[in-house]
Amino acid sequence: MKVLMTAFRPFNNQTINYSMEVLKYIKNVDKLVIDVVYDECYLELKSRVNIDKYDLIIALGEARSRNDLTLEIQAKNLSSCSLMDNKGILKAEEVINSLLPDTLKTNVDINRCKDDIKFSNDAGKFVCNNLYFHLLENYPDKSIFIHVPNCNDDENEYVKYAKRINKIIEKIIG
């Protein structure tokens, strides 16, 4: 089974993005780091790889306010955040695709890994949610999103979360 995993570049005047740091320790997947820009993050992904050749796409993002890994069950059809993306774009209550419902859910059998990660119904409304929504509108049968919590700039934390994500991948792909 061929797996693609993405992570984000730093944003909001940060020097690192925890998703990018954890990605360095993930094994046996193709990796891609993309920019924190609404809508363009998905276009960058599509322009740099052939998504169709992958069986599973796992997008990583950081959620510094969380204290554990969280797998997002769904994405909202809404972009709205007080933070600007890396191009200085600020969105306030903007629908991503007016032809689609308020939320889209992954069709990946995530129950296989329910003992290894917390599930969340709130991917936020920033670029993480935006990317996930685009993935789910186009690839709902093979896309999931995992938020990486605050890692305190600690390599041991990166390694710990990478090991857990590797275990989750193994359970999902069987």
N, C-alpha and C. Protein backbone atom coordinates (compact mmCIF):
# COMPACT_ATOMS: atom_id res chain seq x y z
N MET A 1 0.85 -1.18 0.00
CA MET A 1 0.00 0.00 0.00
C MET A 1 0.89 1.24 0.00
N LYS A 2 0.59 2.18 -0.84
CA LYS A 2 1.38 3.39 -0.99
C LYS A 2 0.75 4.53 -0.19
N VAL A 3 1.54 5.13 0.70
CA VAL A 3 1.05 6.17 1.60
C VAL A 3 1.79 7.48 1.34
N LEU A 4 1.01 8.57 1.27
CA LEU A 4 1.56 9.92 1.19
C LEU A 4 1.23 10.63 2.48
N MET A 5 2.24 11.30 3.04
CA MET A 5 1.99 12.08 4.25
C MET A 5 2.49 13.50 4.01
N THR A 6 1.62 14.45 4.36
CA THR A 6 1.98 15.86 4.22
C THR A 6 2.11 16.50 5.59
N ALA A 7 2.85 17.60 5.62
CA ALA A 7 2.97 18.44 6.81
C ALA A 7 3.05 19.88 6.31
N PHE A 8 2.95 20.80 7.24
CA PHE A 8 2.97 22.22 6.90
C PHE A 8 4.28 22.89 7.29
N ARG A 9 4.61 23.92 6.52
CA ARG A 9 5.74 24.78 6.85
C ARG A 9 5.35 25.65 8.06
N PRO A 10 6.33 26.30 8.68
CA PRO A 10 6.01 27.21 9.79
C PRO A 10 5.11 28.36 9.35
N PHE A 11 4.38 28.92 10.30
CA PHE A 11 3.48 30.04 10.04
C PHE A 11 3.37 30.89 11.29
N ASN A 12 2.72 32.04 11.16
CA ASN A 12 2.44 32.93 12.30
C ASN A 12 3.73 33.29 13.06
N ASN A 13 4.78 33.61 12.32
CA ASN A 13 6.07 34.01 12.88
C ASN A 13 6.76 32.93 13.71
N GLN A 14 6.33 31.68 13.56
CA GLN A 14 7.01 30.57 14.23
C GLN A 14 8.22 30.15 13.38
N THR A 15 9.20 29.54 14.01
CA THR A 15 10.38 29.08 13.26
C THR A 15 10.26 27.61 12.87
N ILE A 16 9.35 26.89 13.54
CA ILE A 16 9.12 25.49 13.20
C ILE A 16 7.62 25.22 13.20
N ASN A 17 7.26 24.14 12.54
CA ASN A 17 5.89 23.63 12.60
C ASN A 17 6.02 22.20 13.11
N TYR A 18 5.33 21.89 14.18
CA TYR A 18 5.48 20.57 14.78
C TYR A 18 5.11 19.44 13.83
N SER A 19 4.17 19.68 12.93
CA SER A 19 3.82 18.64 11.97
C SER A 19 5.01 18.31 11.07
N MET A 20 5.76 19.32 10.68
CA MET A 20 6.93 19.14 9.83
C MET A 20 8.03 18.40 10.58
N GLU A 21 8.19 18.72 11.85
CA GLU A 21 9.22 18.06 12.65
C GLU A 21 8.89 16.58 12.88
N VAL A 22 7.63 16.28 13.17
CA VAL A 22 7.22 14.89 13.38
C VAL A 22 7.36 14.10 12.08
N LEU A 23 7.02 14.73 10.95
CA LEU A 23 7.11 14.05 9.65
C LEU A 23 8.51 13.52 9.38
N LYS A 24 9.53 14.20 9.86
CA LYS A 24 10.91 13.76 9.65
C LYS A 24 11.16 12.36 10.20
N TYR A 25 10.39 11.94 11.18
CA TYR A 25 10.61 10.65 11.85
C TYR A 25 9.63 9.56 11.41
N ILE A 26 8.77 9.86 10.46
CA ILE A 26 7.82 8.87 9.95
C ILE A 26 8.54 8.00 8.93
N LYS A 27 8.25 6.71 8.96
CA LYS A 27 8.93 5.76 8.08
C LYS A 27 7.99 5.22 7.01
N ASN A 28 8.60 4.81 5.91
CA ASN A 28 7.93 4.06 4.84
C ASN A 28 6.74 4.78 4.20
N VAL A 29 6.84 6.09 4.08
CA VAL A 29 5.81 6.86 3.38
C VAL A 29 6.50 7.88 2.48
N ASP A 30 5.80 8.32 1.45
CA ASP A 30 6.26 9.47 0.68
C ASP A 30 5.87 10.71 1.46
N LYS A 31 6.73 11.72 1.46
CA LYS A 31 6.52 12.91 2.29
C LYS A 31 6.51 14.17 1.44
N LEU A 32 5.70 15.12 1.88
CA LEU A 32 5.62 16.40 1.20
C LEU A 32 5.29 17.48 2.24
N VAL A 33 6.06 18.55 2.23
CA VAL A 33 5.80 19.69 3.11
C VAL A 33 5.22 20.81 2.24
N ILE A 34 4.08 21.34 2.68
CA ILE A 34 3.36 22.35 1.90
C ILE A 34 3.19 23.63 2.69
N ASP A 35 2.84 24.69 1.99
CA ASP A 35 2.74 26.00 2.63
C ASP A 35 1.39 26.18 3.33
N VAL A 36 1.38 27.05 4.30
CA VAL A 36 0.18 27.36 5.08
C VAL A 36 -0.55 28.51 4.38
N VAL A 37 -1.25 28.15 3.29
CA VAL A 37 -1.99 29.13 2.51
C VAL A 37 -3.33 28.52 2.14
N TYR A 38 -4.42 29.21 2.49
CA TYR A 38 -5.76 28.73 2.15
C TYR A 38 -5.84 28.33 0.68
N ASP A 39 -6.49 27.23 0.42
CA ASP A 39 -6.76 26.71 -0.92
C ASP A 39 -5.50 26.37 -1.71
N GLU A 40 -4.50 27.23 -1.69
CA GLU A 40 -3.26 26.96 -2.42
C GLU A 40 -2.51 25.75 -1.87
N CYS A 41 -2.70 25.44 -0.59
CA CYS A 41 -2.02 24.27 -0.03
C CYS A 41 -2.46 23.01 -0.78
N TYR A 42 -3.75 22.91 -1.08
CA TYR A 42 -4.25 21.76 -1.82
C TYR A 42 -3.74 21.79 -3.26
N LEU A 43 -3.75 22.96 -3.87
CA LEU A 43 -3.25 23.08 -5.25
C LEU A 43 -1.76 22.75 -5.32
N GLU A 44 -1.00 23.16 -4.30
CA GLU A 44 0.43 22.82 -4.24
C GLU A 44 0.61 21.30 -4.15
N LEU A 45 -0.17 20.69 -3.30
CA LEU A 45 -0.12 19.23 -3.16
C LEU A 45 -0.39 18.55 -4.50
N LYS A 46 -1.47 18.95 -5.16
CA LYS A 46 -1.85 18.34 -6.44
C LYS A 46 -0.82 18.60 -7.54
N SER A 47 -0.15 19.73 -7.48
CA SER A 47 0.82 20.05 -8.53
C SER A 47 2.15 19.32 -8.33
N ARG A 48 2.41 18.88 -7.10
CA ARG A 48 3.72 18.27 -6.81
C ARG A 48 3.71 16.75 -6.79
N VAL A 49 2.52 16.15 -6.62
CA VAL A 49 2.44 14.67 -6.63
C VAL A 49 1.18 14.23 -7.36
N ASN A 50 1.22 12.99 -7.82
CA ASN A 50 0.03 12.38 -8.41
C ASN A 50 -0.72 11.67 -7.29
N ILE A 51 -1.72 12.34 -6.76
CA ILE A 51 -2.47 11.81 -5.61
C ILE A 51 -3.12 10.46 -5.94
N ASP A 52 -3.50 10.28 -7.19
CA ASP A 52 -4.20 9.05 -7.59
C ASP A 52 -3.37 7.80 -7.36
N LYS A 53 -2.06 7.91 -7.31
CA LYS A 53 -1.23 6.72 -7.15
C LYS A 53 -1.12 6.25 -5.68
N TYR A 54 -1.72 7.03 -4.78
CA TYR A 54 -1.64 6.68 -3.35
C TYR A 54 -2.90 6.00 -2.87
N ASP A 55 -2.72 5.06 -1.94
CA ASP A 55 -3.84 4.35 -1.33
C ASP A 55 -4.33 5.07 -0.08
N LEU A 56 -3.45 5.84 0.55
CA LEU A 56 -3.78 6.54 1.78
C LEU A 56 -3.04 7.87 1.79
N ILE A 57 -3.76 8.92 2.14
CA ILE A 57 -3.17 10.25 2.29
C ILE A 57 -3.40 10.68 3.73
N ILE A 58 -2.32 10.98 4.42
CA ILE A 58 -2.42 11.47 5.79
C ILE A 58 -1.83 12.87 5.83
N ALA A 59 -2.66 13.83 6.12
CA ALA A 59 -2.19 15.21 6.25
C ALA A 59 -1.97 15.48 7.74
N LEU A 60 -0.83 16.04 8.06
CA LEU A 60 -0.52 16.42 9.43
C LEU A 60 -0.57 17.94 9.55
N GLY A 61 -1.04 18.39 10.68
CA GLY A 61 -1.01 19.81 11.00
C GLY A 61 -0.75 19.96 12.48
N GLU A 62 -0.39 21.15 12.89
CA GLU A 62 -0.14 21.34 14.32
C GLU A 62 -1.32 22.04 14.99
N ALA A 63 -1.53 21.64 16.24
CA ALA A 63 -2.53 22.27 17.09
C ALA A 63 -1.87 22.45 18.45
N ARG A 64 -1.17 23.54 18.61
CA ARG A 64 -0.37 23.76 19.82
C ARG A 64 -1.20 23.83 21.08
N SER A 65 -2.50 24.07 20.95
CA SER A 65 -3.35 24.14 22.14
C SER A 65 -3.78 22.75 22.62
N ARG A 66 -3.53 21.72 21.83
CA ARG A 66 -3.92 20.36 22.23
C ARG A 66 -2.78 19.67 22.96
N ASN A 67 -3.15 18.63 23.71
CA ASN A 67 -2.13 17.93 24.48
C ASN A 67 -1.93 16.48 24.04
N ASP A 68 -2.55 16.08 22.92
CA ASP A 68 -2.36 14.73 22.40
C ASP A 68 -2.66 14.73 20.91
N LEU A 69 -2.19 13.69 20.24
CA LEU A 69 -2.52 13.51 18.83
C LEU A 69 -4.03 13.39 18.68
N THR A 70 -4.58 14.00 17.63
CA THR A 70 -6.01 13.86 17.36
C THR A 70 -6.23 13.61 15.88
N LEU A 71 -7.03 12.60 15.60
CA LEU A 71 -7.42 12.29 14.24
C LEU A 71 -8.76 12.94 13.97
N GLU A 72 -8.80 13.75 12.94
CA GLU A 72 -10.01 14.50 12.63
C GLU A 72 -10.96 13.62 11.82
N ILE A 73 -12.17 13.48 12.31
CA ILE A 73 -13.20 12.68 11.65
C ILE A 73 -13.78 13.43 10.45
N GLN A 74 -13.81 14.75 10.55
CA GLN A 74 -14.48 15.54 9.52
C GLN A 74 -13.80 16.90 9.34
N ALA A 75 -14.17 17.55 8.25
CA ALA A 75 -13.73 18.92 7.99
C ALA A 75 -14.96 19.78 7.75
N LYS A 76 -14.88 21.03 8.17
CA LYS A 76 -15.99 21.98 7.99
C LYS A 76 -15.86 22.70 6.65
N ASN A 77 -16.99 23.02 6.08
CA ASN A 77 -17.03 23.77 4.84
C ASN A 77 -16.97 25.27 5.18
N LEU A 78 -15.92 25.64 5.89
CA LEU A 78 -15.81 27.01 6.38
C LEU A 78 -14.36 27.34 6.69
N SER A 79 -13.94 28.51 6.24
CA SER A 79 -12.62 29.05 6.60
C SER A 79 -12.87 30.33 7.37
N SER A 80 -12.29 30.40 8.58
CA SER A 80 -12.48 31.58 9.41
C SER A 80 -11.48 31.53 10.55
N CYS A 81 -10.56 32.47 10.58
CA CYS A 81 -9.57 32.47 11.65
C CYS A 81 -9.01 33.87 11.83
N SER A 82 -8.61 34.18 13.04
CA SER A 82 -8.03 35.48 13.33
C SER A 82 -6.55 35.54 12.93
N LEU A 83 -5.98 34.39 12.54
CA LEU A 83 -4.59 34.36 12.07
C LEU A 83 -4.55 34.50 10.55
N MET A 84 -3.52 35.17 10.07
CA MET A 84 -3.31 35.24 8.63
C MET A 84 -2.50 34.01 8.19
N ASP A 85 -2.78 33.56 6.96
CA ASP A 85 -1.95 32.49 6.41
C ASP A 85 -0.62 33.09 5.95
N ASN A 86 0.23 32.28 5.34
CA ASN A 86 1.56 32.75 4.97
C ASN A 86 1.58 33.74 3.80
N LYS A 87 0.45 33.99 3.19
CA LYS A 87 0.35 35.04 2.17
C LYS A 87 -0.38 36.27 2.70
N GLY A 88 -0.65 36.27 4.01
CA GLY A 88 -1.31 37.41 4.62
C GLY A 88 -2.81 37.42 4.45
N ILE A 89 -3.37 36.29 4.04
CA ILE A 89 -4.82 36.20 3.83
C ILE A 89 -5.51 35.93 5.16
N LEU A 90 -6.54 36.70 5.42
CA LEU A 90 -7.36 36.54 6.62
C LEU A 90 -8.76 36.20 6.15
N LYS A 91 -9.32 35.11 6.65
CA LYS A 91 -10.67 34.70 6.24
C LYS A 91 -11.61 34.82 7.42
N ALA A 92 -12.83 35.27 7.13
CA ALA A 92 -13.85 35.41 8.16
C ALA A 92 -15.15 34.80 7.65
N GLU A 93 -15.48 33.64 8.17
CA GLU A 93 -16.75 32.97 7.85
C GLU A 93 -16.96 32.79 6.33
N GLU A 94 -15.95 32.31 5.64
CA GLU A 94 -16.04 32.08 4.20
C GLU A 94 -16.27 30.60 3.91
N VAL A 95 -17.33 30.31 3.18
CA VAL A 95 -17.63 28.94 2.76
C VAL A 95 -16.58 28.50 1.75
N ILE A 96 -16.10 27.27 1.87
CA ILE A 96 -15.08 26.76 0.96
C ILE A 96 -15.70 26.37 -0.38
N ASN A 97 -16.80 25.63 -0.33
CA ASN A 97 -17.49 25.21 -1.56
C ASN A 97 -19.00 25.26 -1.31
N SER A 98 -19.67 26.23 -1.90
CA SER A 98 -21.10 26.44 -1.64
C SER A 98 -21.97 25.31 -2.18
N LEU A 99 -21.41 24.42 -2.99
CA LEU A 99 -22.18 23.31 -3.55
C LEU A 99 -22.15 22.07 -2.65
N LEU A 100 -21.39 22.13 -1.58
CA LEU A 100 -21.23 20.97 -0.70
C LEU A 100 -21.82 21.22 0.68
N PRO A 101 -22.05 20.14 1.45
CA PRO A 101 -22.64 20.29 2.79
C PRO A 101 -21.70 21.00 3.78
N ASP A 102 -22.23 21.25 4.96
CA ASP A 102 -21.48 21.97 6.01
C ASP A 102 -20.25 21.20 6.50
N THR A 103 -20.30 19.88 6.44
CA THR A 103 -19.15 19.06 6.84
C THR A 103 -18.99 17.89 5.87
N LEU A 104 -17.76 17.45 5.76
CA LEU A 104 -17.45 16.23 5.01
C LEU A 104 -16.69 15.31 5.95
N LYS A 105 -16.99 14.01 5.90
CA LYS A 105 -16.33 13.04 6.77
C LYS A 105 -15.45 12.10 5.97
N THR A 106 -14.40 11.62 6.62
CA THR A 106 -13.55 10.64 5.99
C THR A 106 -14.29 9.31 5.87
N ASN A 107 -14.00 8.58 4.81
CA ASN A 107 -14.55 7.23 4.64
C ASN A 107 -13.52 6.16 4.98
N VAL A 108 -12.33 6.59 5.41
CA VAL A 108 -11.30 5.64 5.82
C VAL A 108 -11.76 4.95 7.09
N ASP A 109 -11.49 3.65 7.20
CA ASP A 109 -11.88 2.90 8.40
C ASP A 109 -10.94 3.26 9.55
N ILE A 110 -11.24 4.37 10.20
CA ILE A 110 -10.39 4.86 11.29
C ILE A 110 -10.62 4.10 12.59
N ASN A 111 -11.69 3.33 12.67
CA ASN A 111 -11.96 2.59 13.91
C ASN A 111 -10.88 1.57 14.22
N ARG A 112 -10.13 1.19 13.22
CA ARG A 112 -9.02 0.24 13.44
C ARG A 112 -7.97 0.80 14.40
N CYS A 113 -7.89 2.13 14.49
CA CYS A 113 -6.84 2.73 15.32
C CYS A 113 -7.42 3.50 16.51
N LYS A 114 -8.67 3.24 16.85
CA LYS A 114 -9.34 4.03 17.90
C LYS A 114 -8.67 3.91 19.27
N ASP A 115 -7.92 2.83 19.50
CA ASP A 115 -7.23 2.67 20.79
C ASP A 115 -5.90 3.42 20.84
N ASP A 116 -5.47 3.95 19.69
CA ASP A 116 -4.15 4.56 19.60
C ASP A 116 -4.15 6.07 19.46
N ILE A 117 -5.33 6.65 19.27
CA ILE A 117 -5.40 8.08 19.04
C ILE A 117 -6.79 8.60 19.42
N LYS A 118 -6.83 9.85 19.84
CA LYS A 118 -8.12 10.48 20.13
C LYS A 118 -8.74 10.94 18.82
N PHE A 119 -10.06 10.86 18.75
CA PHE A 119 -10.79 11.35 17.59
C PHE A 119 -11.32 12.75 17.92
N SER A 120 -11.43 13.56 16.87
CA SER A 120 -11.93 14.92 17.03
C SER A 120 -12.90 15.23 15.89
N ASN A 121 -13.91 16.01 16.19
CA ASN A 121 -14.84 16.50 15.17
C ASN A 121 -14.57 17.95 14.81
N ASP A 122 -13.45 18.48 15.26
CA ASP A 122 -13.18 19.90 15.05
C ASP A 122 -11.76 20.12 14.53
N ALA A 123 -11.64 20.19 13.21
CA ALA A 123 -10.34 20.43 12.59
C ALA A 123 -10.02 21.92 12.55
N GLY A 124 -10.81 22.72 13.26
CA GLY A 124 -10.61 24.16 13.27
C GLY A 124 -11.24 24.79 12.03
N LYS A 125 -10.82 26.01 11.75
CA LYS A 125 -11.31 26.69 10.54
C LYS A 125 -10.16 27.39 9.82
N PHE A 126 -8.94 26.97 10.16
CA PHE A 126 -7.77 27.57 9.53
C PHE A 126 -7.33 26.70 8.35
N VAL A 127 -6.09 26.77 7.97
CA VAL A 127 -5.60 26.10 6.77
C VAL A 127 -5.64 24.58 6.92
N CYS A 128 -5.47 24.03 8.10
CA CYS A 128 -5.58 22.58 8.30
C CYS A 128 -6.95 22.09 7.84
N ASN A 129 -7.98 22.71 8.35
CA ASN A 129 -9.34 22.35 7.97
C ASN A 129 -9.56 22.56 6.47
N ASN A 130 -9.03 23.64 5.93
CA ASN A 130 -9.19 23.95 4.51
C ASN A 130 -8.58 22.84 3.65
N LEU A 131 -7.37 22.43 3.96
CA LEU A 131 -6.74 21.33 3.22
C LEU A 131 -7.55 20.06 3.35
N TYR A 132 -7.95 19.74 4.57
CA TYR A 132 -8.70 18.49 4.80
C TYR A 132 -10.02 18.51 4.04
N PHE A 133 -10.70 19.64 4.03
CA PHE A 133 -11.95 19.72 3.29
C PHE A 133 -11.73 19.42 1.81
N HIS A 134 -10.69 20.02 1.24
CA HIS A 134 -10.39 19.76 -0.18
C HIS A 134 -10.03 18.29 -0.41
N LEU A 135 -9.28 17.70 0.49
CA LEU A 135 -8.97 16.28 0.36
C LEU A 135 -10.23 15.43 0.42
N LEU A 136 -11.12 15.75 1.36
CA LEU A 136 -12.34 14.95 1.51
C LEU A 136 -13.32 15.16 0.36
N GLU A 137 -13.33 16.34 -0.24
CA GLU A 137 -14.24 16.54 -1.37
C GLU A 137 -13.76 15.77 -2.60
N ASN A 138 -12.47 15.46 -2.66
CA ASN A 138 -11.91 14.77 -3.82
C ASN A 138 -11.47 13.34 -3.56
N TYR A 139 -11.04 13.05 -2.33
CA TYR A 139 -10.51 11.72 -2.00
C TYR A 139 -11.01 11.24 -0.64
N PRO A 140 -12.33 11.17 -0.42
CA PRO A 140 -12.84 10.81 0.91
C PRO A 140 -12.52 9.38 1.33
N ASP A 141 -12.26 8.51 0.36
CA ASP A 141 -12.00 7.10 0.69
C ASP A 141 -10.56 6.83 1.08
N LYS A 142 -9.70 7.85 0.98
CA LYS A 142 -8.30 7.59 1.32
C LYS A 142 -7.61 8.74 2.05
N SER A 143 -8.38 9.67 2.61
CA SER A 143 -7.78 10.83 3.28
C SER A 143 -8.14 10.90 4.75
N ILE A 144 -7.11 11.18 5.56
CA ILE A 144 -7.32 11.49 6.98
C ILE A 144 -6.42 12.66 7.36
N PHE A 145 -6.76 13.29 8.47
CA PHE A 145 -5.97 14.42 8.97
C PHE A 145 -5.68 14.17 10.44
N ILE A 146 -4.42 14.36 10.81
CA ILE A 146 -4.00 14.20 12.21
C ILE A 146 -3.37 15.51 12.68
N HIS A 147 -3.86 16.00 13.81
CA HIS A 147 -3.26 17.18 14.44
C HIS A 147 -2.21 16.72 15.45
N VAL A 148 -1.05 17.33 15.35
CA VAL A 148 0.06 17.10 16.28
C VAL A 148 -0.03 18.16 17.37
N PRO A 149 0.05 17.76 18.63
CA PRO A 149 -0.06 18.74 19.72
C PRO A 149 1.24 19.51 19.95
N ASN A 150 1.22 20.35 20.96
CA ASN A 150 2.42 21.07 21.37
C ASN A 150 3.52 20.07 21.71
N CYS A 151 4.68 20.26 21.11
CA CYS A 151 5.81 19.35 21.36
C CYS A 151 6.94 20.03 22.13
N ASN A 152 6.76 21.28 22.51
CA ASN A 152 7.74 22.02 23.29
C ASN A 152 9.14 22.00 22.67
N ASP A 153 9.20 21.97 21.34
CA ASP A 153 10.48 21.95 20.62
C ASP A 153 11.39 20.83 21.10
N ASP A 154 10.81 19.69 21.43
CA ASP A 154 11.54 18.57 22.01
C ASP A 154 11.59 17.39 21.03
N GLU A 155 12.79 17.04 20.62
CA GLU A 155 12.95 15.93 19.67
C GLU A 155 12.34 14.63 20.19
N ASN A 156 12.42 14.39 21.48
CA ASN A 156 11.81 13.18 22.04
C ASN A 156 10.30 13.15 21.80
N GLU A 157 9.67 14.32 21.85
CA GLU A 157 8.23 14.40 21.57
C GLU A 157 7.96 14.09 20.09
N TYR A 158 8.79 14.61 19.20
CA TYR A 158 8.63 14.33 17.77
C TYR A 158 8.71 12.83 17.51
N VAL A 159 9.70 12.21 18.11
CA VAL A 159 9.90 10.77 17.92
C VAL A 159 8.73 9.98 18.49
N LYS A 160 8.28 10.37 19.67
CA LYS A 160 7.15 9.69 20.32
C LYS A 160 5.90 9.73 19.44
N TYR A 161 5.57 10.92 18.92
CA TYR A 161 4.37 11.04 18.09
C TYR A 161 4.55 10.35 16.74
N ALA A 162 5.76 10.38 16.20
CA ALA A 162 6.01 9.68 14.93
C ALA A 162 5.81 8.18 15.10
N LYS A 163 6.26 7.62 16.21
CA LYS A 163 6.07 6.18 16.46
C LYS A 163 4.59 5.85 16.55
N ARG A 164 3.83 6.69 17.21
CA ARG A 164 2.39 6.46 17.31
C ARG A 164 1.71 6.56 15.94
N ILE A 165 2.13 7.52 15.15
CA ILE A 165 1.56 7.66 13.81
C ILE A 165 1.93 6.46 12.94
N ASN A 166 3.17 5.98 13.05
CA ASN A 166 3.55 4.78 12.31
C ASN A 166 2.66 3.59 12.69
N LYS A 167 2.35 3.47 13.96
CA LYS A 167 1.48 2.40 14.44
C LYS A 167 0.06 2.57 13.87
N ILE A 168 -0.42 3.80 13.82
CA ILE A 168 -1.75 4.09 13.27
C ILE A 168 -1.80 3.71 11.79
N ILE A 169 -0.74 4.07 11.07
CA ILE A 169 -0.67 3.72 9.63
C ILE A 169 -0.77 2.20 9.47
N GLU A 170 0.00 1.48 10.26
CA GLU A 170 -0.01 0.02 10.17
C GLU A 170 -1.42 -0.54 10.41
N LYS A 171 -2.11 0.01 11.40
CA LYS A 171 -3.47 -0.49 11.69
C LYS A 171 -4.45 -0.14 10.59
N ILE A 172 -4.33 1.04 10.00
CA ILE A 172 -5.26 1.45 8.95
C ILE A 172 -5.04 0.65 7.67
N ILE A 173 -3.79 0.44 7.31
CA ILE A 173 -3.54 -0.27 6.04
C ILE A 173 -3.61 -1.78 6.22
N GLY A 174 -3.68 -2.22 7.46
CA GLY A 174 -3.86 -3.64 7.74
C GLY A 174 -2.62 -4.41 7.47
